[in-house]
């Protein structure tokens, strides 16, 4: 499927008219499809290449070394989560993946009402921790610009999300789908789901496999072009906008048999606000034809509920 393509530099460096044009293009795409490909997103390609090489090196470590980074009680929100631990909401079958998560780092001179667990530091791979921090910050910057454009499209003022996402609870997740070594029970590597957060930025997945569910109820494969990232709406933004912006269902399918012996790596950034942010539906998105669809939640309450539904929190 050819998802809409937008050029973020028109918003970050463009004229006032170009900024309005970009906001309208992004907002329309998120209303109609829920996914876009973004050019000139500001995340350096050399950084992307380095962090992918580091991710591959981590997942190639022996299982006993990886498991020392799997910390009980963190609900998979920091460090390593071993193969088969997570499943999609409403599914009992585990996804065929392992992953590593890196979260917010609060500097000594910064304050936030949020209390975050420490990130899990990896000892075996040089520059692992610094690369993840640098990548996290690059995603934050691009994601902030995209949310600013969304806020403008919704007539909230371009700075609407700033206070909510500054030192927010975002997550950088490195995912490894291992080679398939026997006849799989399902054709799905990651079962159909919607993301929990405001928006997700996905850069440079190493292989095809991502599919989205169209309005015609058809599964369509998508993949960003060279130099593009894929960005989609999450459930928090859908709730906030009372379904005006769509959190599109997506999944990852198994490769063709001739590629079963290959791994798939991906690097999504789940942009979350602080837990205190209200997700109560915006008044401007509640109409006679679209009455309020959700009860009032905070972002923290909603995240906690979803982590339990997908098996990461007991």
C-alpha atoms as a PDB file:
ATOM      1  CA  UNK A   1       0.000   0.000   0.000  1.00  0.00           C
ATOM      2  CA  UNK A   2       1.231   3.474  -0.818  1.00  0.00           C
ATOM      3  CA  UNK A   3       0.659   5.341   2.433  1.00  0.00           C
ATOM      4  CA  UNK A   4       0.712   9.158   2.318  1.00  0.00           C
ATOM      5  CA  UNK A   5       4.204  10.701   2.304  1.00  0.00           C
ATOM      6  CA  UNK A   6       4.931  14.013   4.055  1.00  0.00           C
ATOM      7  CA  UNK A   7       8.085  16.126   4.298  1.00  0.00           C
ATOM      8  CA  UNK A   8       8.764  17.240   7.871  1.00  0.00           C
ATOM      9  CA  UNK A   9      11.270  19.885   6.763  1.00  0.00           C
ATOM     10  CA  UNK A  10       8.330  21.891   5.374  1.00  0.00           C
ATOM     11  CA  UNK A  11       7.152  22.236   8.974  1.00  0.00           C
ATOM     12  CA  UNK A  12      10.470  22.628  10.784  1.00  0.00           C
ATOM     13  CA  UNK A  13      12.101  24.965   8.239  1.00  0.00           C
ATOM     14  CA  UNK A  14       9.286  26.126   5.956  1.00  0.00           C
ATOM     15  CA  UNK A  15       7.266  29.284   5.543  1.00  0.00           C
ATOM     16  CA  UNK A  16       4.052  29.872   7.479  1.00  0.00           C
ATOM     17  CA  UNK A  17       2.084  28.701   4.449  1.00  0.00           C
ATOM     18  CA  UNK A  18       4.188  25.524   4.164  1.00  0.00           C
ATOM     19  CA  UNK A  19       3.665  24.797   7.852  1.00  0.00           C
ATOM     20  CA  UNK A  20      -0.092  25.052   7.425  1.00  0.00           C
ATOM     21  CA  UNK A  21       0.099  22.824   4.354  1.00  0.00           C
ATOM     22  CA  UNK A  22       2.131  20.207   6.219  1.00  0.00           C
ATOM     23  CA  UNK A  23      -0.251  20.208   9.218  1.00  0.00           C
ATOM     24  CA  UNK A  24      -3.224  19.740   6.927  1.00  0.00           C
ATOM     25  CA  UNK A  25      -1.561  16.912   4.998  1.00  0.00           C
ATOM     26  CA  UNK A  26      -0.521  15.137   8.194  1.00  0.00           C
ATOM     27  CA  UNK A  27      -3.893  15.584   9.878  1.00  0.00           C
ATOM     28  CA  UNK A  28      -5.822  14.367   6.832  1.00  0.00           C
ATOM     29  CA  UNK A  29      -3.574  11.304   6.547  1.00  0.00           C
ATOM     30  CA  UNK A  30      -4.071  10.485  10.218  1.00  0.00           C
ATOM     31  CA  UNK A  31      -7.841  10.848   9.850  1.00  0.00           C
ATOM     32  CA  UNK A  32      -8.098   8.692   6.740  1.00  0.00           C
ATOM     33  CA  UNK A  33      -5.292   6.122   7.094  1.00  0.00           C
ATOM     34  CA  UNK A  34      -3.589   6.478  10.487  1.00  0.00           C
ATOM     35  CA  UNK A  35      -0.125   5.890   8.975  1.00  0.00           C
ATOM     36  CA  UNK A  36       2.258   8.169   7.056  1.00  0.00           C
ATOM     37  CA  UNK A  37       5.790   7.962   5.717  1.00  0.00           C
ATOM     38  CA  UNK A  38       7.914  10.953   6.737  1.00  0.00           C
ATOM     39  CA  UNK A  39      10.808  12.356   4.724  1.00  0.00           C
ATOM     40  CA  UNK A  40      13.480  14.685   6.119  1.00  0.00           C
ATOM     41  CA  UNK A  41      12.585  13.575   9.626  1.00  0.00           C
ATOM     42  CA  UNK A  42      15.809  14.833  11.179  1.00  0.00           C
ATOM     43  CA  UNK A  43      17.151  11.500  12.491  1.00  0.00           C
ATOM     44  CA  UNK A  44      20.684  11.088  11.173  1.00  0.00           C
ATOM     45  CA  UNK A  45      21.178   8.026   8.963  1.00  0.00           C
ATOM     46  CA  UNK A  46      24.625   7.291  10.413  1.00  0.00           C
ATOM     47  CA  UNK A  47      23.070   7.188  13.885  1.00  0.00           C
ATOM     48  CA  UNK A  48      20.366   4.829  12.621  1.00  0.00           C
ATOM     49  CA  UNK A  49      22.961   2.531  11.041  1.00  0.00           C
ATOM     50  CA  UNK A  50      25.086   2.485  14.203  1.00  0.00           C
ATOM     51  CA  UNK A  51      22.210   1.725  16.534  1.00  0.00           C
ATOM     52  CA  UNK A  52      20.940  -1.089  14.279  1.00  0.00           C
ATOM     53  CA  UNK A  53      24.421  -2.660  14.284  1.00  0.00           C
ATOM     54  CA  UNK A  54      24.425  -2.396  18.074  1.00  0.00           C
ATOM     55  CA  UNK A  55      20.933  -3.916  18.333  1.00  0.00           C
ATOM     56  CA  UNK A  56      22.008  -6.859  16.180  1.00  0.00           C
ATOM     57  CA  UNK A  57      25.093  -7.386  18.345  1.00  0.00           C
ATOM     58  CA  UNK A  58      22.980  -7.395  21.510  1.00  0.00           C
ATOM     59  CA  UNK A  59      20.494  -9.983  20.269  1.00  0.00           C
ATOM     60  CA  UNK A  60      23.361 -12.207  19.110  1.00  0.00           C
ATOM     61  CA  UNK A  61      24.613 -12.470  22.715  1.00  0.00           C
ATOM     62  CA  UNK A  62      24.110 -15.846  24.424  1.00  0.00           C
ATOM     63  CA  UNK A  63      20.719 -16.249  26.106  1.00  0.00           C
ATOM     64  CA  UNK A  64      22.188 -16.351  29.607  1.00  0.00           C
ATOM     65  CA  UNK A  65      23.867 -12.976  29.070  1.00  0.00           C
ATOM     66  CA  UNK A  66      20.704 -11.386  27.677  1.00  0.00           C
ATOM     67  CA  UNK A  67      18.612 -12.729  30.538  1.00  0.00           C
ATOM     68  CA  UNK A  68      20.709 -10.898  33.111  1.00  0.00           C
ATOM     69  CA  UNK A  69      19.168  -7.735  31.644  1.00  0.00           C
ATOM     70  CA  UNK A  70      15.609  -9.034  32.164  1.00  0.00           C
ATOM     71  CA  UNK A  71      14.597  -7.337  35.409  1.00  0.00           C
ATOM     72  CA  UNK A  72      11.597  -8.659  37.316  1.00  0.00           C
ATOM     73  CA  UNK A  73       9.000  -6.102  38.331  1.00  0.00           C
ATOM     74  CA  UNK A  74       9.602  -3.623  35.486  1.00  0.00           C
ATOM     75  CA  UNK A  75       6.760  -4.982  33.274  1.00  0.00           C
ATOM     76  CA  UNK A  76       9.144  -4.991  30.321  1.00  0.00           C
ATOM     77  CA  UNK A  77       9.436  -1.207  30.410  1.00  0.00           C
ATOM     78  CA  UNK A  78      13.212  -1.248  30.834  1.00  0.00           C
ATOM     79  CA  UNK A  79      15.824  -3.732  29.715  1.00  0.00           C
ATOM     80  CA  UNK A  80      15.357  -7.100  28.034  1.00  0.00           C
ATOM     81  CA  UNK A  81      12.163  -9.130  27.549  1.00  0.00           C
ATOM     82  CA  UNK A  82      12.749 -12.675  26.374  1.00  0.00           C
ATOM     83  CA  UNK A  83      11.079 -14.492  23.483  1.00  0.00           C
ATOM     84  CA  UNK A  84       7.350 -15.159  23.733  1.00  0.00           C
ATOM     85  CA  UNK A  85       6.540 -12.999  26.776  1.00  0.00           C
ATOM     86  CA  UNK A  86       4.284 -10.415  25.097  1.00  0.00           C
ATOM     87  CA  UNK A  87       1.003 -10.987  23.276  1.00  0.00           C
ATOM     88  CA  UNK A  88      -1.454  -8.658  21.567  1.00  0.00           C
ATOM     89  CA  UNK A  89      -4.560  -7.453  23.393  1.00  0.00           C
ATOM     90  CA  UNK A  90      -7.255 -10.118  23.024  1.00  0.00           C
ATOM     91  CA  UNK A  91      -4.811 -12.812  21.902  1.00  0.00           C
ATOM     92  CA  UNK A  92      -3.417 -15.638  24.003  1.00  0.00           C
ATOM     93  CA  UNK A  93      -0.731 -16.583  21.454  1.00  0.00           C
ATOM     94  CA  UNK A  94       2.652 -14.989  22.245  1.00  0.00           C
ATOM     95  CA  UNK A  95       4.339 -12.801  19.643  1.00  0.00           C
ATOM     96  CA  UNK A  96       7.435 -14.379  18.073  1.00  0.00           C
ATOM     97  CA  UNK A  97       9.891 -11.778  19.270  1.00  0.00           C
ATOM     98  CA  UNK A  98      12.290 -10.648  21.955  1.00  0.00           C
ATOM     99  CA  UNK A  99      12.978  -7.009  22.700  1.00  0.00           C
ATOM    100  CA  UNK A 100      14.942  -4.428  24.680  1.00  0.00           C
ATOM    101  CA  UNK A 101      13.396  -1.209  25.986  1.00  0.00           C
ATOM    102  CA  UNK A 102      15.046   2.086  26.867  1.00  0.00           C
ATOM    103  CA  UNK A 103      13.114   4.862  28.583  1.00  0.00           C
ATOM    104  CA  UNK A 104      13.286   8.450  29.720  1.00  0.00           C
ATOM    105  CA  UNK A 105      16.434   9.799  31.372  1.00  0.00           C
ATOM    106  CA  UNK A 106      15.986  12.790  33.666  1.00  0.00           C
ATOM    107  CA  UNK A 107      19.061  14.982  34.096  1.00  0.00           C
ATOM    108  CA  UNK A 108      20.384  16.128  37.454  1.00  0.00           C
ATOM    109  CA  UNK A 109      19.110  19.665  36.933  1.00  0.00           C
ATOM    110  CA  UNK A 110      15.700  18.622  35.581  1.00  0.00           C
ATOM    111  CA  UNK A 111      12.545  17.993  37.570  1.00  0.00           C
ATOM    112  CA  UNK A 112       9.426  16.039  36.737  1.00  0.00           C
ATOM    113  CA  UNK A 113       6.462  14.763  38.777  1.00  0.00           C
ATOM    114  CA  UNK A 114       7.118  11.391  37.150  1.00  0.00           C
ATOM    115  CA  UNK A 115       9.274   8.740  38.807  1.00  0.00           C
ATOM    116  CA  UNK A 116      10.950   6.571  36.182  1.00  0.00           C
ATOM    117  CA  UNK A 117      12.889   3.348  36.707  1.00  0.00           C
ATOM    118  CA  UNK A 118      16.558   3.522  35.815  1.00  0.00           C
ATOM    119  CA  UNK A 119      17.544   2.356  32.367  1.00  0.00           C
ATOM    120  CA  UNK A 120      19.290  -1.006  32.231  1.00  0.00           C
ATOM    121  CA  UNK A 121      22.926  -0.537  31.251  1.00  0.00           C
ATOM    122  CA  UNK A 122      24.476  -3.128  28.908  1.00  0.00           C
ATOM    123  CA  UNK A 123      28.112  -3.934  29.666  1.00  0.00           C
ATOM    124  CA  UNK A 124      29.124  -6.230  26.813  1.00  0.00           C
ATOM    125  CA  UNK A 125      28.729  -3.836  23.865  1.00  0.00           C
ATOM    126  CA  UNK A 126      30.714  -0.622  23.575  1.00  0.00           C
ATOM    127  CA  UNK A 127      28.639   2.554  23.150  1.00  0.00           C
ATOM    128  CA  UNK A 128      25.343   0.656  23.584  1.00  0.00           C
ATOM    129  CA  UNK A 129      24.020   2.941  26.307  1.00  0.00           C
ATOM    130  CA  UNK A 130      25.158   6.212  24.719  1.00  0.00           C
ATOM    131  CA  UNK A 131      23.789   5.199  21.308  1.00  0.00           C
ATOM    132  CA  UNK A 132      20.384   4.419  22.780  1.00  0.00           C
ATOM    133  CA  UNK A 133      20.320   7.775  24.582  1.00  0.00           C
ATOM    134  CA  UNK A 134      21.298   9.653  21.408  1.00  0.00           C
ATOM    135  CA  UNK A 135      18.692   7.795  19.359  1.00  0.00           C
ATOM    136  CA  UNK A 136      16.034   8.392  22.014  1.00  0.00           C
ATOM    137  CA  UNK A 137      16.705  12.156  21.956  1.00  0.00           C
ATOM    138  CA  UNK A 138      16.603  12.263  18.138  1.00  0.00           C
ATOM    139  CA  UNK A 139      13.227  10.518  18.124  1.00  0.00           C
ATOM    140  CA  UNK A 140      11.936  12.884  20.809  1.00  0.00           C
ATOM    141  CA  UNK A 141      12.820  15.895  18.696  1.00  0.00           C
ATOM    142  CA  UNK A 142      11.173  14.591  15.528  1.00  0.00           C
ATOM    143  CA  UNK A 143       8.135  13.366  17.431  1.00  0.00           C
ATOM    144  CA  UNK A 144       7.710  16.723  19.122  1.00  0.00           C
ATOM    145  CA  UNK A 145       7.630  18.475  15.726  1.00  0.00           C
ATOM    146  CA  UNK A 146       5.030  16.031  14.432  1.00  0.00           C
ATOM    147  CA  UNK A 147       2.820  16.525  17.484  1.00  0.00           C
ATOM    148  CA  UNK A 148       3.148  20.285  17.111  1.00  0.00           C
ATOM    149  CA  UNK A 149       1.793  19.973  13.580  1.00  0.00           C
ATOM    150  CA  UNK A 150      -1.040  17.739  14.804  1.00  0.00           C
ATOM    151  CA  UNK A 151      -1.920  20.271  17.506  1.00  0.00           C
ATOM    152  CA  UNK A 152      -2.079  23.010  14.880  1.00  0.00           C
ATOM    153  CA  UNK A 153      -4.333  20.856  12.709  1.00  0.00           C
ATOM    154  CA  UNK A 154      -6.677  20.352  15.671  1.00  0.00           C
ATOM    155  CA  UNK A 155      -6.685  24.120  16.374  1.00  0.00           C
ATOM    156  CA  UNK A 156      -5.171  23.529  19.820  1.00  0.00           C
ATOM    157  CA  UNK A 157      -2.173  25.810  19.293  1.00  0.00           C
ATOM    158  CA  UNK A 158       1.151  24.379  18.165  1.00  0.00           C
ATOM    159  CA  UNK A 159       2.523  24.160  21.732  1.00  0.00           C
ATOM    160  CA  UNK A 160      -0.391  22.142  23.145  1.00  0.00           C
ATOM    161  CA  UNK A 161       1.553  18.909  23.651  1.00  0.00           C
ATOM    162  CA  UNK A 162       4.826  20.483  24.813  1.00  0.00           C
ATOM    163  CA  UNK A 163       4.189  20.433  28.555  1.00  0.00           C
ATOM    164  CA  UNK A 164       2.808  16.899  28.365  1.00  0.00           C
ATOM    165  CA  UNK A 165       5.658  15.291  26.427  1.00  0.00           C
ATOM    166  CA  UNK A 166       8.621  17.169  27.949  1.00  0.00           C
ATOM    167  CA  UNK A 167      10.358  14.465  30.009  1.00  0.00           C
ATOM    168  CA  UNK A 168       7.454  12.201  29.070  1.00  0.00           C
ATOM    169  CA  UNK A 169       7.221   8.444  29.468  1.00  0.00           C
ATOM    170  CA  UNK A 170       8.316   7.535  25.923  1.00  0.00           C
ATOM    171  CA  UNK A 171       9.937   4.197  25.101  1.00  0.00           C
ATOM    172  CA  UNK A 172      12.559   3.211  22.514  1.00  0.00           C
ATOM    173  CA  UNK A 173      12.120  -0.474  21.731  1.00  0.00           C
ATOM    174  CA  UNK A 174      14.589  -2.646  19.825  1.00  0.00           C
ATOM    175  CA  UNK A 175      12.832  -5.776  18.506  1.00  0.00           C
ATOM    176  CA  UNK A 176      14.274  -9.012  17.179  1.00  0.00           C
ATOM    177  CA  UNK A 177      12.130 -11.560  15.350  1.00  0.00           C
ATOM    178  CA  UNK A 178      14.421 -14.634  15.248  1.00  0.00           C
ATOM    179  CA  UNK A 179      14.708 -17.006  12.274  1.00  0.00           C
ATOM    180  CA  UNK A 180      11.885 -19.538  11.951  1.00  0.00           C
ATOM    181  CA  UNK A 181      13.332 -22.995  12.628  1.00  0.00           C
ATOM    182  CA  UNK A 182      10.184 -25.170  12.387  1.00  0.00           C
ATOM    183  CA  UNK A 183       6.732 -25.025  10.846  1.00  0.00           C
ATOM    184  CA  UNK A 184       5.058 -22.095  12.655  1.00  0.00           C
ATOM    185  CA  UNK A 185       1.615 -22.502  14.226  1.00  0.00           C
ATOM    186  CA  UNK A 186       0.611 -19.165  12.731  1.00  0.00           C
ATOM    187  CA  UNK A 187       1.581 -16.930   9.815  1.00  0.00           C
ATOM    188  CA  UNK A 188       1.892 -14.026  12.247  1.00  0.00           C
ATOM    189  CA  UNK A 189       5.059 -12.859  14.010  1.00  0.00           C
ATOM    190  CA  UNK A 190       3.284 -10.072  15.905  1.00  0.00           C
ATOM    191  CA  UNK A 191      -0.479 -10.408  16.115  1.00  0.00           C
ATOM    192  CA  UNK A 192      -2.784  -7.582  15.047  1.00  0.00           C
ATOM    193  CA  UNK A 193      -2.847  -4.691  17.495  1.00  0.00           C
ATOM    194  CA  UNK A 194      -2.980  -0.951  17.942  1.00  0.00           C
ATOM    195  CA  UNK A 195      -0.229   0.960  19.727  1.00  0.00           C
ATOM    196  CA  UNK A 196      -0.876   2.343  23.208  1.00  0.00           C
ATOM    197  CA  UNK A 197       0.812   5.749  22.960  1.00  0.00           C
ATOM    198  CA  UNK A 198       0.245   9.109  21.206  1.00  0.00           C
ATOM    199  CA  UNK A 199       2.277   8.397  18.051  1.00  0.00           C
ATOM    200  CA  UNK A 200       4.834   5.757  17.044  1.00  0.00           C
ATOM    201  CA  UNK A 201       7.898   6.492  14.925  1.00  0.00           C
ATOM    202  CA  UNK A 202       9.418   3.451  13.207  1.00  0.00           C
ATOM    203  CA  UNK A 203      12.769   3.770  11.504  1.00  0.00           C
ATOM    204  CA  UNK A 204      14.425   1.351   9.111  1.00  0.00           C
ATOM    205  CA  UNK A 205      12.909  -2.073   9.806  1.00  0.00           C
ATOM    206  CA  UNK A 206      15.379  -4.593   8.374  1.00  0.00           C
ATOM    207  CA  UNK A 207      12.818  -6.603   6.394  1.00  0.00           C
ATOM    208  CA  UNK A 208       9.312  -6.478   5.046  1.00  0.00           C
ATOM    209  CA  UNK A 209       6.420  -7.864   7.085  1.00  0.00           C
ATOM    210  CA  UNK A 210       4.482  -4.848   8.395  1.00  0.00           C
ATOM    211  CA  UNK A 211       0.843  -4.826   7.313  1.00  0.00           C
ATOM    212  CA  UNK A 212      -2.056  -2.499   8.108  1.00  0.00           C
ATOM    213  CA  UNK A 213      -5.787  -3.197   8.059  1.00  0.00           C
ATOM    214  CA  UNK A 214      -7.550  -0.963   5.539  1.00  0.00           C
ATOM    215  CA  UNK A 215     -11.035   0.516   5.848  1.00  0.00           C
ATOM    216  CA  UNK A 216     -12.083  -2.207   3.398  1.00  0.00           C
ATOM    217  CA  UNK A 217     -10.936  -4.772   5.992  1.00  0.00           C
ATOM    218  CA  UNK A 218      -8.005  -5.899   3.845  1.00  0.00           C
ATOM    219  CA  UNK A 219      -4.445  -6.515   5.081  1.00  0.00           C
ATOM    220  CA  UNK A 220      -2.030  -4.438   3.021  1.00  0.00           C
ATOM    221  CA  UNK A 221       1.804  -4.569   3.269  1.00  0.00           C
ATOM    222  CA  UNK A 222       3.618  -1.290   3.789  1.00  0.00           C
ATOM    223  CA  UNK A 223       7.251  -0.276   3.990  1.00  0.00           C
ATOM    224  CA  UNK A 224       8.840   3.157   4.023  1.00  0.00           C
ATOM    225  CA  UNK A 225      11.131   4.176   1.193  1.00  0.00           C
ATOM    226  CA  UNK A 226      14.812   4.959   1.592  1.00  0.00           C
ATOM    227  CA  UNK A 227      15.348   7.771   4.066  1.00  0.00           C
ATOM    228  CA  UNK A 228      11.752   7.672   5.318  1.00  0.00           C
ATOM    229  CA  UNK A 229      10.268   6.653   8.640  1.00  0.00           C
ATOM    230  CA  UNK A 230       6.774   5.294   9.246  1.00  0.00           C
ATOM    231  CA  UNK A 231       4.640   7.179  11.779  1.00  0.00           C
ATOM    232  CA  UNK A 232       1.256   6.053  13.077  1.00  0.00           C
ATOM    233  CA  UNK A 233      -1.408   7.207  15.497  1.00  0.00           C
ATOM    234  CA  UNK A 234      -1.641   5.401  18.853  1.00  0.00           C
ATOM    235  CA  UNK A 235      -4.671   4.726  21.025  1.00  0.00           C
ATOM    236  CA  UNK A 236      -3.975   7.644  23.375  1.00  0.00           C
ATOM    237  CA  UNK A 237      -4.248  10.148  20.524  1.00  0.00           C
ATOM    238  CA  UNK A 238      -7.324   8.370  19.194  1.00  0.00           C
ATOM    239  CA  UNK A 239      -8.991   8.635  22.614  1.00  0.00           C
ATOM    240  CA  UNK A 240      -7.995  12.287  23.000  1.00  0.00           C
ATOM    241  CA  UNK A 241      -9.509  13.143  19.602  1.00  0.00           C
ATOM    242  CA  UNK A 242     -12.613  10.977  20.156  1.00  0.00           C
ATOM    243  CA  UNK A 243     -11.756   8.770  17.144  1.00  0.00           C
ATOM    244  CA  UNK A 244     -11.152  11.692  14.793  1.00  0.00           C
ATOM    245  CA  UNK A 245      -7.536  10.527  14.317  1.00  0.00           C
ATOM    246  CA  UNK A 246      -7.312   6.799  13.683  1.00  0.00           C
ATOM    247  CA  UNK A 247      -5.207   4.285  15.576  1.00  0.00           C
ATOM    248  CA  UNK A 248      -4.833   1.834  12.711  1.00  0.00           C
ATOM    249  CA  UNK A 249      -4.681  -1.902  13.346  1.00  0.00           C
ATOM    250  CA  UNK A 250      -1.393  -3.441  12.175  1.00  0.00           C
ATOM    251  CA  UNK A 251       0.613  -6.644  12.449  1.00  0.00           C
ATOM    252  CA  UNK A 252       3.894  -8.273  11.415  1.00  0.00           C
ATOM    253  CA  UNK A 253       3.646 -11.412   9.290  1.00  0.00           C
ATOM    254  CA  UNK A 254       6.145 -14.192   8.708  1.00  0.00           C
ATOM    255  CA  UNK A 255       8.448 -13.915   5.684  1.00  0.00           C
ATOM    256  CA  UNK A 256       8.144 -16.305   2.732  1.00  0.00           C
ATOM    257  CA  UNK A 257       9.599 -19.762   3.402  1.00  0.00           C
ATOM    258  CA  UNK A 258      12.829 -19.006   1.530  1.00  0.00           C
ATOM    259  CA  UNK A 259      13.552 -16.266   4.075  1.00  0.00           C
ATOM    260  CA  UNK A 260      12.711 -18.233   7.227  1.00  0.00           C
ATOM    261  CA  UNK A 261      16.414 -18.411   8.095  1.00  0.00           C
ATOM    262  CA  UNK A 262      16.666 -14.613   8.408  1.00  0.00           C
ATOM    263  CA  UNK A 263      16.073 -12.357  11.390  1.00  0.00           C
ATOM    264  CA  UNK A 264      13.940  -9.228  11.342  1.00  0.00           C
ATOM    265  CA  UNK A 265      14.906  -6.191  13.423  1.00  0.00           C
ATOM    266  CA  UNK A 266      12.891  -3.056  14.001  1.00  0.00           C
ATOM    267  CA  UNK A 267      13.262   0.060  16.110  1.00  0.00           C
ATOM    268  CA  UNK A 268       9.989   1.772  17.053  1.00  0.00           C
ATOM    269  CA  UNK A 269       9.806   4.812  19.323  1.00  0.00           C
ATOM    270  CA  UNK A 270       6.564   4.935  21.308  1.00  0.00           C
ATOM    271  CA  UNK A 271       5.964   8.593  22.134  1.00  0.00           C
ATOM    272  CA  UNK A 272       4.129   8.816  25.455  1.00  0.00           C
ATOM    273  CA  UNK A 273       3.184  11.860  27.511  1.00  0.00           C
ATOM    274  CA  UNK A 274       3.663  12.145  31.240  1.00  0.00           C
ATOM    275  CA  UNK A 275       1.320   9.869  33.161  1.00  0.00           C
ATOM    276  CA  UNK A 276      -0.612  12.845  34.545  1.00  0.00           C
ATOM    277  CA  UNK A 277      -1.868  13.972  31.115  1.00  0.00           C
ATOM    278  CA  UNK A 278      -5.636  13.758  30.760  1.00  0.00           C
ATOM    279  CA  UNK A 279      -6.885  11.753  27.800  1.00  0.00           C
ATOM    280  CA  UNK A 280     -10.425  13.100  28.204  1.00  0.00           C
ATOM    281  CA  UNK A 281     -11.897  13.619  24.749  1.00  0.00           C
ATOM    282  CA  UNK A 282     -11.357  17.133  23.431  1.00  0.00           C
ATOM    283  CA  UNK A 283     -14.550  19.192  23.437  1.00  0.00           C
ATOM    284  CA  UNK A 284     -13.853  20.217  19.847  1.00  0.00           C
ATOM    285  CA  UNK A 285     -13.933  16.543  18.792  1.00  0.00           C
ATOM    286  CA  UNK A 286     -17.313  15.818  20.409  1.00  0.00           C
ATOM    287  CA  UNK A 287     -20.278  16.517  18.135  1.00  0.00           C
ATOM    288  CA  UNK A 288     -23.883  15.485  17.701  1.00  0.00           C
ATOM    289  CA  UNK A 289     -22.810  12.982  15.049  1.00  0.00           C
ATOM    290  CA  UNK A 290     -19.731  11.867  17.017  1.00  0.00           C
ATOM    291  CA  UNK A 291     -20.717  11.796  20.701  1.00  0.00           C
ATOM    292  CA  UNK A 292     -18.121  11.130  23.396  1.00  0.00           C
ATOM    293  CA  UNK A 293     -16.838   7.567  22.948  1.00  0.00           C
ATOM    294  CA  UNK A 294     -14.543   7.149  25.971  1.00  0.00           C
ATOM    295  CA  UNK A 295     -14.590   7.652  29.711  1.00  0.00           C
ATOM    296  CA  UNK A 296     -12.007  10.031  31.153  1.00  0.00           C
ATOM    297  CA  UNK A 297      -8.593   8.474  31.773  1.00  0.00           C
ATOM    298  CA  UNK A 298      -5.126   9.745  32.459  1.00  0.00           C
ATOM    299  CA  UNK A 299      -2.282   8.487  30.297  1.00  0.00           C
ATOM    300  CA  UNK A 300      -0.864   6.607  33.276  1.00  0.00           C
ATOM    301  CA  UNK A 301      -4.136   4.828  34.008  1.00  0.00           C
ATOM    302  CA  UNK A 302      -4.520   3.816  30.388  1.00  0.00           C
ATOM    303  CA  UNK A 303      -0.932   2.564  30.076  1.00  0.00           C
ATOM    304  CA  UNK A 304      -1.316   0.467  33.234  1.00  0.00           C
ATOM    305  CA  UNK A 305      -4.510  -1.102  31.897  1.00  0.00           C
ATOM    306  CA  UNK A 306      -2.972  -1.948  28.537  1.00  0.00           C
ATOM    307  CA  UNK A 307       0.239  -3.421  30.006  1.00  0.00           C
ATOM    308  CA  UNK A 308      -1.943  -5.867  31.924  1.00  0.00           C
ATOM    309  CA  UNK A 309      -3.943  -6.714  28.798  1.00  0.00           C
ATOM    310  CA  UNK A 310      -0.826  -7.603  26.791  1.00  0.00           C
ATOM    311  CA  UNK A 311       0.697  -9.749  29.542  1.00  0.00           C
ATOM    312  CA  UNK A 312       3.628  -7.579  30.618  1.00  0.00           C
ATOM    313  CA  UNK A 313       2.120  -6.566  33.962  1.00  0.00           C
ATOM    314  CA  UNK A 314       0.368  -8.829  36.440  1.00  0.00           C
END
